[in-house]
Amino acid sequence: MKKPHYSLSATFKYPNVEAMLSKLTGVSRVGAVAENSCVTCKGEAKDFRDELSLKEYTISGMCQDCQDKIFGI
């Protein structure tokens, strides 16, 4: 298990939604956030541009690089 850089918890999603996301990505979003890893690239999620990006990580499980690619930043 990776040593967390932040002490974060994934935001609540209904179990059916969480199961669908896990099936799509092949990774548990809740587990990824707990281990500070990215559900998209499977890399380490440790540095975020700002509080909003950190909050987005708890929602989506995407690291800063993946957020930038998805949101076109």
PDB file of N, CA and C in Angstrom:
ATOM      1  N   MET A   1       0.845  -1.182   0.000  1.00  0.00           N
ATOM      2  CA  MET A   1       0.000   0.000   0.000  1.00  0.00           C
ATOM      3  C   MET A   1       0.889   1.244   0.000  1.00  0.00           C
ATOM      4  N   LYS A   2       0.535   2.203  -0.837  1.00  0.00           N
ATOM      5  CA  LYS A   2       1.328   3.422  -0.938  1.00  0.00           C
ATOM      6  C   LYS A   2       1.103   4.312   0.283  1.00  0.00           C
ATOM      7  N   LYS A   3       2.127   4.994   0.690  1.00  0.00           N
ATOM      8  CA  LYS A   3       2.018   5.934   1.797  1.00  0.00           C
ATOM      9  C   LYS A   3       1.314   7.200   1.292  1.00  0.00           C
ATOM     10  N   PRO A   4       0.184   7.572   1.886  1.00  0.00           N
ATOM     11  CA  PRO A   4      -0.554   8.728   1.385  1.00  0.00           C
ATOM     12  C   PRO A   4       0.167  10.048   1.640  1.00  0.00           C
ATOM     13  N   HIS A   5       0.080  10.939   0.668  1.00  0.00           N
ATOM     14  CA  HIS A   5       0.624  12.287   0.784  1.00  0.00           C
ATOM     15  C   HIS A   5      -0.406  13.186   1.481  1.00  0.00           C
ATOM     16  N   TYR A   6      -1.666  12.962   1.157  1.00  0.00           N
ATOM     17  CA  TYR A   6      -2.780  13.672   1.783  1.00  0.00           C
ATOM     18  C   TYR A   6      -3.608  12.650   2.538  1.00  0.00           C
ATOM     19  N   SER A   7      -4.358  13.114   3.491  1.00  0.00           N
ATOM     20  CA  SER A   7      -5.298  12.238   4.168  1.00  0.00           C
ATOM     21  C   SER A   7      -6.679  12.573   3.617  1.00  0.00           C
ATOM     22  N   LEU A   8      -7.078  11.884   2.553  1.00  0.00           N
ATOM     23  CA  LEU A   8      -8.315  12.203   1.856  1.00  0.00           C
ATOM     24  C   LEU A   8      -9.267  11.025   1.843  1.00  0.00           C
ATOM     25  N   SER A   9     -10.524  11.336   1.655  1.00  0.00           N
ATOM     26  CA  SER A   9     -11.545  10.329   1.442  1.00  0.00           C
ATOM     27  C   SER A   9     -12.294  10.684   0.171  1.00  0.00           C
ATOM     28  N   ALA A  10     -12.666   9.678  -0.580  1.00  0.00           N
ATOM     29  CA  ALA A  10     -13.470   9.900  -1.777  1.00  0.00           C
ATOM     30  C   ALA A  10     -14.856  10.377  -1.370  1.00  0.00           C
ATOM     31  N   THR A  11     -15.454  11.208  -2.201  1.00  0.00           N
ATOM     32  CA  THR A  11     -16.813  11.665  -1.941  1.00  0.00           C
ATOM     33  C   THR A  11     -17.783  10.493  -2.056  1.00  0.00           C
ATOM     34  N   PHE A  12     -18.923  10.619  -1.404  1.00  0.00           N
ATOM     35  CA  PHE A  12     -19.935   9.565  -1.438  1.00  0.00           C
ATOM     36  C   PHE A  12     -20.593   9.506  -2.810  1.00  0.00           C
ATOM     37  N   LYS A  13     -20.743   8.299  -3.310  1.00  0.00           N
ATOM     38  CA  LYS A  13     -21.538   8.030  -4.497  1.00  0.00           C
ATOM     39  C   LYS A  13     -22.383   6.796  -4.177  1.00  0.00           C
ATOM     40  N   TYR A  14     -23.571   6.751  -4.736  1.00  0.00           N
ATOM     41  CA  TYR A  14     -24.419   5.589  -4.505  1.00  0.00           C
ATOM     42  C   TYR A  14     -23.687   4.329  -4.970  1.00  0.00           C
ATOM     43  N   PRO A  15     -23.915   3.215  -4.279  1.00  0.00           N
ATOM     44  CA  PRO A  15     -23.192   1.981  -4.596  1.00  0.00           C
ATOM     45  C   PRO A  15     -23.262   1.566  -6.070  1.00  0.00           C
ATOM     46  N   ASN A  16     -24.407   1.743  -6.716  1.00  0.00           N
ATOM     47  CA  ASN A  16     -24.521   1.378  -8.135  1.00  0.00           C
ATOM     48  C   ASN A  16     -23.623   2.258  -9.007  1.00  0.00           C
ATOM     49  N   VAL A  17     -23.516   3.534  -8.664  1.00  0.00           N
ATOM     50  CA  VAL A  17     -22.653   4.455  -9.403  1.00  0.00           C
ATOM     51  C   VAL A  17     -21.192   4.074  -9.172  1.00  0.00           C
ATOM     52  N   GLU A  18     -20.851   3.802  -7.933  1.00  0.00           N
ATOM     53  CA  GLU A  18     -19.478   3.407  -7.602  1.00  0.00           C
ATOM     54  C   GLU A  18     -19.092   2.123  -8.328  1.00  0.00           C
ATOM     55  N   ALA A  19     -19.997   1.171  -8.383  1.00  0.00           N
ATOM     56  CA  ALA A  19     -19.738  -0.101  -9.075  1.00  0.00           C
ATOM     57  C   ALA A  19     -19.544   0.127 -10.574  1.00  0.00           C
ATOM     58  N   MET A  20     -20.347   1.004 -11.178  1.00  0.00           N
ATOM     59  CA  MET A  20     -20.214   1.307 -12.595  1.00  0.00           C
ATOM     60  C   MET A  20     -18.862   1.950 -12.885  1.00  0.00           C
ATOM     61  N   LEU A  21     -18.444   2.904 -12.036  1.00  0.00           N
ATOM     62  CA  LEU A  21     -17.152   3.567 -12.221  1.00  0.00           C
ATOM     63  C   LEU A  21     -16.000   2.577 -12.096  1.00  0.00           C
ATOM     64  N   SER A  22     -16.094   1.683 -11.131  1.00  0.00           N
ATOM     65  CA  SER A  22     -15.050   0.666 -10.954  1.00  0.00           C
ATOM     66  C   SER A  22     -14.977  -0.260 -12.162  1.00  0.00           C
ATOM     67  N   LYS A  23     -16.134  -0.596 -12.721  1.00  0.00           N
ATOM     68  CA  LYS A  23     -16.162  -1.467 -13.893  1.00  0.00           C
ATOM     69  C   LYS A  23     -15.561  -0.754 -15.105  1.00  0.00           C
ATOM     70  N   LEU A  24     -15.839   0.537 -15.252  1.00  0.00           N
ATOM     71  CA  LEU A  24     -15.303   1.314 -16.379  1.00  0.00           C
ATOM     72  C   LEU A  24     -13.791   1.488 -16.309  1.00  0.00           C
ATOM     73  N   THR A  25     -13.275   1.761 -15.113  1.00  0.00           N
ATOM     74  CA  THR A  25     -11.852   2.063 -14.965  1.00  0.00           C
ATOM     75  C   THR A  25     -11.025   0.845 -14.565  1.00  0.00           C
ATOM     76  N   GLY A  26     -11.680  -0.171 -14.024  1.00  0.00           N
ATOM     77  CA  GLY A  26     -10.961  -1.337 -13.532  1.00  0.00           C
ATOM     78  C   GLY A  26     -10.301  -1.105 -12.183  1.00  0.00           C
ATOM     79  N   VAL A  27     -10.645   0.034 -11.559  1.00  0.00           N
ATOM     80  CA  VAL A  27     -10.041   0.433 -10.288  1.00  0.00           C
ATOM     81  C   VAL A  27     -11.134   0.974  -9.367  1.00  0.00           C
ATOM     82  N   SER A  28     -11.026   0.684  -8.098  1.00  0.00           N
ATOM     83  CA  SER A  28     -11.931   1.281  -7.124  1.00  0.00           C
ATOM     84  C   SER A  28     -11.533   2.737  -6.883  1.00  0.00           C
ATOM     85  N   ARG A  29     -12.441   3.647  -7.151  1.00  0.00           N
ATOM     86  CA  ARG A  29     -12.175   5.075  -6.924  1.00  0.00           C
ATOM     87  C   ARG A  29     -11.898   5.336  -5.457  1.00  0.00           C
ATOM     88  N   VAL A  30     -12.666   4.726  -4.584  1.00  0.00           N
ATOM     89  CA  VAL A  30     -12.488   4.898  -3.139  1.00  0.00           C
ATOM     90  C   VAL A  30     -11.105   4.405  -2.716  1.00  0.00           C
ATOM     91  N   GLY A  31     -10.714   3.239  -3.215  1.00  0.00           N
ATOM     92  CA  GLY A  31      -9.398   2.697  -2.906  1.00  0.00           C
ATOM     93  C   GLY A  31      -8.274   3.543  -3.473  1.00  0.00           C
ATOM     94  N   ALA A  32      -8.471   4.040  -4.699  1.00  0.00           N
ATOM     95  CA  ALA A  32      -7.447   4.871  -5.331  1.00  0.00           C
ATOM     96  C   ALA A  32      -7.216   6.156  -4.542  1.00  0.00           C
ATOM     97  N   VAL A  33      -8.286   6.809  -4.121  1.00  0.00           N
ATOM     98  CA  VAL A  33      -8.151   8.044  -3.342  1.00  0.00           C
ATOM     99  C   VAL A  33      -7.487   7.749  -2.003  1.00  0.00           C
ATOM    100  N   ALA A  34      -7.859   6.649  -1.374  1.00  0.00           N
ATOM    101  CA  ALA A  34      -7.250   6.274  -0.092  1.00  0.00           C
ATOM    102  C   ALA A  34      -5.748   6.023  -0.237  1.00  0.00           C
ATOM    103  N   GLU A  35      -5.318   5.540  -1.421  1.00  0.00           N
ATOM    104  CA  GLU A  35      -3.907   5.239  -1.657  1.00  0.00           C
ATOM    105  C   GLU A  35      -3.185   6.343  -2.427  1.00  0.00           C
ATOM    106  N   ASN A  36      -3.894   7.432  -2.705  1.00  0.00           N
ATOM    107  CA  ASN A  36      -3.321   8.554  -3.468  1.00  0.00           C
ATOM    108  C   ASN A  36      -2.807   8.115  -4.835  1.00  0.00           C
ATOM    109  N   SER A  37      -3.644   7.354  -5.542  1.00  0.00           N
ATOM    110  CA  SER A  37      -3.312   6.984  -6.910  1.00  0.00           C
ATOM    111  C   SER A  37      -4.429   7.455  -7.833  1.00  0.00           C
ATOM    112  N   CYS A  38      -4.156   7.453  -9.118  1.00  0.00           N
ATOM    113  CA  CYS A  38      -5.086   7.962 -10.120  1.00  0.00           C
ATOM    114  C   CYS A  38      -5.842   6.818 -10.774  1.00  0.00           C
ATOM    115  N   VAL A  39      -7.162   6.954 -10.894  1.00  0.00           N
ATOM    116  CA  VAL A  39      -7.961   5.914 -11.529  1.00  0.00           C
ATOM    117  C   VAL A  39      -7.761   5.898 -13.045  1.00  0.00           C
ATOM    118  N   THR A  40      -7.279   6.971 -13.618  1.00  0.00           N
ATOM    119  CA  THR A  40      -7.127   7.060 -15.069  1.00  0.00           C
ATOM    120  C   THR A  40      -5.779   6.532 -15.535  1.00  0.00           C
ATOM    121  N   CYS A  41      -4.692   7.084 -15.012  1.00  0.00           N
ATOM    122  CA  CYS A  41      -3.343   6.688 -15.471  1.00  0.00           C
ATOM    123  C   CYS A  41      -2.669   5.691 -14.532  1.00  0.00           C
ATOM    124  N   LYS A  42      -3.280   5.449 -13.380  1.00  0.00           N
ATOM    125  CA  LYS A  42      -2.759   4.526 -12.354  1.00  0.00           C
ATOM    126  C   LYS A  42      -1.487   5.033 -11.686  1.00  0.00           C
ATOM    127  N   GLY A  43      -1.118   6.287 -11.953  1.00  0.00           N
ATOM    128  CA  GLY A  43       0.067   6.877 -11.340  1.00  0.00           C
ATOM    129  C   GLY A  43      -0.240   7.454  -9.967  1.00  0.00           C
ATOM    130  N   GLU A  44       0.754   8.061  -9.384  1.00  0.00           N
ATOM    131  CA  GLU A  44       0.619   8.666  -8.061  1.00  0.00           C
ATOM    132  C   GLU A  44      -0.087  10.013  -8.181  1.00  0.00           C
ATOM    133  N   ALA A  45      -0.998  10.262  -7.274  1.00  0.00           N
ATOM    134  CA  ALA A  45      -1.728  11.532  -7.236  1.00  0.00           C
ATOM    135  C   ALA A  45      -1.276  12.273  -5.989  1.00  0.00           C
ATOM    136  N   LYS A  46      -0.296  13.170  -6.158  1.00  0.00           N
ATOM    137  CA  LYS A  46       0.269  13.795  -4.958  1.00  0.00           C
ATOM    138  C   LYS A  46       0.321  15.312  -5.018  1.00  0.00           C
ATOM    139  N   ASP A  47       0.405  15.884  -6.184  1.00  0.00           N
ATOM    140  CA  ASP A  47       0.526  17.341  -6.287  1.00  0.00           C
ATOM    141  C   ASP A  47      -0.652  17.908  -7.064  1.00  0.00           C
ATOM    142  N   PHE A  48      -1.336  18.864  -6.447  1.00  0.00           N
ATOM    143  CA  PHE A  48      -2.483  19.486  -7.078  1.00  0.00           C
ATOM    144  C   PHE A  48      -2.296  20.990  -7.129  1.00  0.00           C
ATOM    145  N   ARG A  49      -2.801  21.591  -8.200  1.00  0.00           N
ATOM    146  CA  ARG A  49      -2.624  23.016  -8.467  1.00  0.00           C
ATOM    147  C   ARG A  49      -3.260  23.882  -7.375  1.00  0.00           C
ATOM    148  N   ASP A  50      -4.448  23.493  -6.932  1.00  0.00           N
ATOM    149  CA  ASP A  50      -5.181  24.312  -5.965  1.00  0.00           C
ATOM    150  C   ASP A  50      -6.204  23.451  -5.225  1.00  0.00           C
ATOM    151  N   GLU A  51      -6.936  24.077  -4.327  1.00  0.00           N
ATOM    152  CA  GLU A  51      -7.933  23.351  -3.529  1.00  0.00           C
ATOM    153  C   GLU A  51      -9.046  22.776  -4.398  1.00  0.00           C
ATOM    154  N   LEU A  52      -9.413  23.487  -5.449  1.00  0.00           N
ATOM    155  CA  LEU A  52     -10.467  22.994  -6.342  1.00  0.00           C
ATOM    156  C   LEU A  52     -10.029  21.704  -7.044  1.00  0.00           C
ATOM    157  N   SER A  53      -8.782  21.654  -7.478  1.00  0.00           N
ATOM    158  CA  SER A  53      -8.255  20.447  -8.119  1.00  0.00           C
ATOM    159  C   SER A  53      -8.173  19.293  -7.125  1.00  0.00           C
ATOM    160  N   LEU A  54      -7.813  19.591  -5.907  1.00  0.00           N
ATOM    161  CA  LEU A  54      -7.771  18.568  -4.860  1.00  0.00           C
ATOM    162  C   LEU A  54      -9.179  18.035  -4.594  1.00  0.00           C
ATOM    163  N   LYS A  55     -10.167  18.927  -4.553  1.00  0.00           N
ATOM    164  CA  LYS A  55     -11.564  18.518  -4.363  1.00  0.00           C
ATOM    165  C   LYS A  55     -12.020  17.645  -5.531  1.00  0.00           C
ATOM    166  N   GLU A  56     -11.646  18.040  -6.745  1.00  0.00           N
ATOM    167  CA  GLU A  56     -11.999  17.237  -7.930  1.00  0.00           C
ATOM    168  C   GLU A  56     -11.408  15.839  -7.818  1.00  0.00           C
ATOM    169  N   TYR A  57     -10.222  15.721  -7.265  1.00  0.00           N
ATOM    170  CA  TYR A  57      -9.611  14.405  -7.069  1.00  0.00           C
ATOM    171  C   TYR A  57     -10.488  13.521  -6.180  1.00  0.00           C
ATOM    172  N   THR A  58     -11.061  14.082  -5.126  1.00  0.00           N
ATOM    173  CA  THR A  58     -11.915  13.281  -4.242  1.00  0.00           C
ATOM    174  C   THR A  58     -13.219  12.883  -4.931  1.00  0.00           C
ATOM    175  N   ILE A  59     -13.615  13.633  -5.952  1.00  0.00           N
ATOM    176  CA  ILE A  59     -14.831  13.332  -6.714  1.00  0.00           C
ATOM    177  C   ILE A  59     -14.545  12.309  -7.810  1.00  0.00           C
ATOM    178  N   SER A  60     -13.482  12.546  -8.582  1.00  0.00           N
ATOM    179  CA  SER A  60     -13.225  11.732  -9.772  1.00  0.00           C
ATOM    180  C   SER A  60     -12.117  10.696  -9.600  1.00  0.00           C
ATOM    181  N   GLY A  61     -11.177  10.954  -8.707  1.00  0.00           N
ATOM    182  CA  GLY A  61     -10.035  10.063  -8.547  1.00  0.00           C
ATOM    183  C   GLY A  61      -8.935  10.309  -9.566  1.00  0.00           C
ATOM    184  N   MET A  62      -9.017  11.439 -10.297  1.00  0.00           N
ATOM    185  CA  MET A  62      -8.014  11.754 -11.317  1.00  0.00           C
ATOM    186  C   MET A  62      -6.920  12.659 -10.758  1.00  0.00           C
ATOM    187  N   CYS A  63      -5.659  12.328 -11.086  1.00  0.00           N
ATOM    188  CA  CYS A  63      -4.528  13.160 -10.683  1.00  0.00           C
ATOM    189  C   CYS A  63      -4.564  14.500 -11.438  1.00  0.00           C
ATOM    190  N   GLN A  64      -3.684  15.414 -11.092  1.00  0.00           N
ATOM    191  CA  GLN A  64      -3.673  16.734 -11.722  1.00  0.00           C
ATOM    192  C   GLN A  64      -3.429  16.643 -13.231  1.00  0.00           C
ATOM    193  N   ASP A  65      -2.478  15.817 -13.659  1.00  0.00           N
ATOM    194  CA  ASP A  65      -2.201  15.686 -15.096  1.00  0.00           C
ATOM    195  C   ASP A  65      -3.421  15.186 -15.855  1.00  0.00           C
ATOM    196  N   CYS A  66      -4.106  14.191 -15.319  1.00  0.00           N
ATOM    197  CA  CYS A  66      -5.295  13.654 -15.984  1.00  0.00           C
ATOM    198  C   CYS A  66      -6.441  14.662 -15.973  1.00  0.00           C
ATOM    199  N   GLN A  67      -6.605  15.396 -14.875  1.00  0.00           N
ATOM    200  CA  GLN A  67      -7.617  16.449 -14.843  1.00  0.00           C
ATOM    201  C   GLN A  67      -7.340  17.469 -15.936  1.00  0.00           C
ATOM    202  N   ASP A  68      -6.081  17.867 -16.077  1.00  0.00           N
ATOM    203  CA  ASP A  68      -5.715  18.864 -17.089  1.00  0.00           C
ATOM    204  C   ASP A  68      -6.033  18.349 -18.499  1.00  0.00           C
ATOM    205  N   LYS A  69      -5.764  17.073 -18.765  1.00  0.00           N
ATOM    206  CA  LYS A  69      -6.046  16.499 -20.076  1.00  0.00           C
ATOM    207  C   LYS A  69      -7.548  16.416 -20.338  1.00  0.00           C
ATOM    208  N   ILE A  70      -8.290  15.967 -19.352  1.00  0.00           N
ATOM    209  CA  ILE A  70      -9.743  15.801 -19.512  1.00  0.00           C
ATOM    210  C   ILE A  70     -10.450  17.148 -19.643  1.00  0.00           C
ATOM    211  N   PHE A  71     -10.048  18.117 -18.832  1.00  0.00           N
ATOM    212  CA  PHE A  71     -10.727  19.414 -18.820  1.00  0.00           C
ATOM    213  C   PHE A  71     -10.076  20.428 -19.764  1.00  0.00           C
ATOM    214  N   GLY A  72      -9.044  20.007 -20.486  1.00  0.00           N
ATOM    215  CA  GLY A  72      -8.445  20.859 -21.504  1.00  0.00           C
ATOM    216  C   GLY A  72      -7.655  22.043 -20.971  1.00  0.00           C
ATOM    217  N   ILE A  73      -6.942  21.831 -19.882  1.00  0.00           N
ATOM    218  CA  ILE A  73      -6.155  22.925 -19.291  1.00  0.00           C
ATOM    219  C   ILE A  73      -4.703  22.786 -19.682  1.00  0.00           C
TER     220      ILE A  73
END
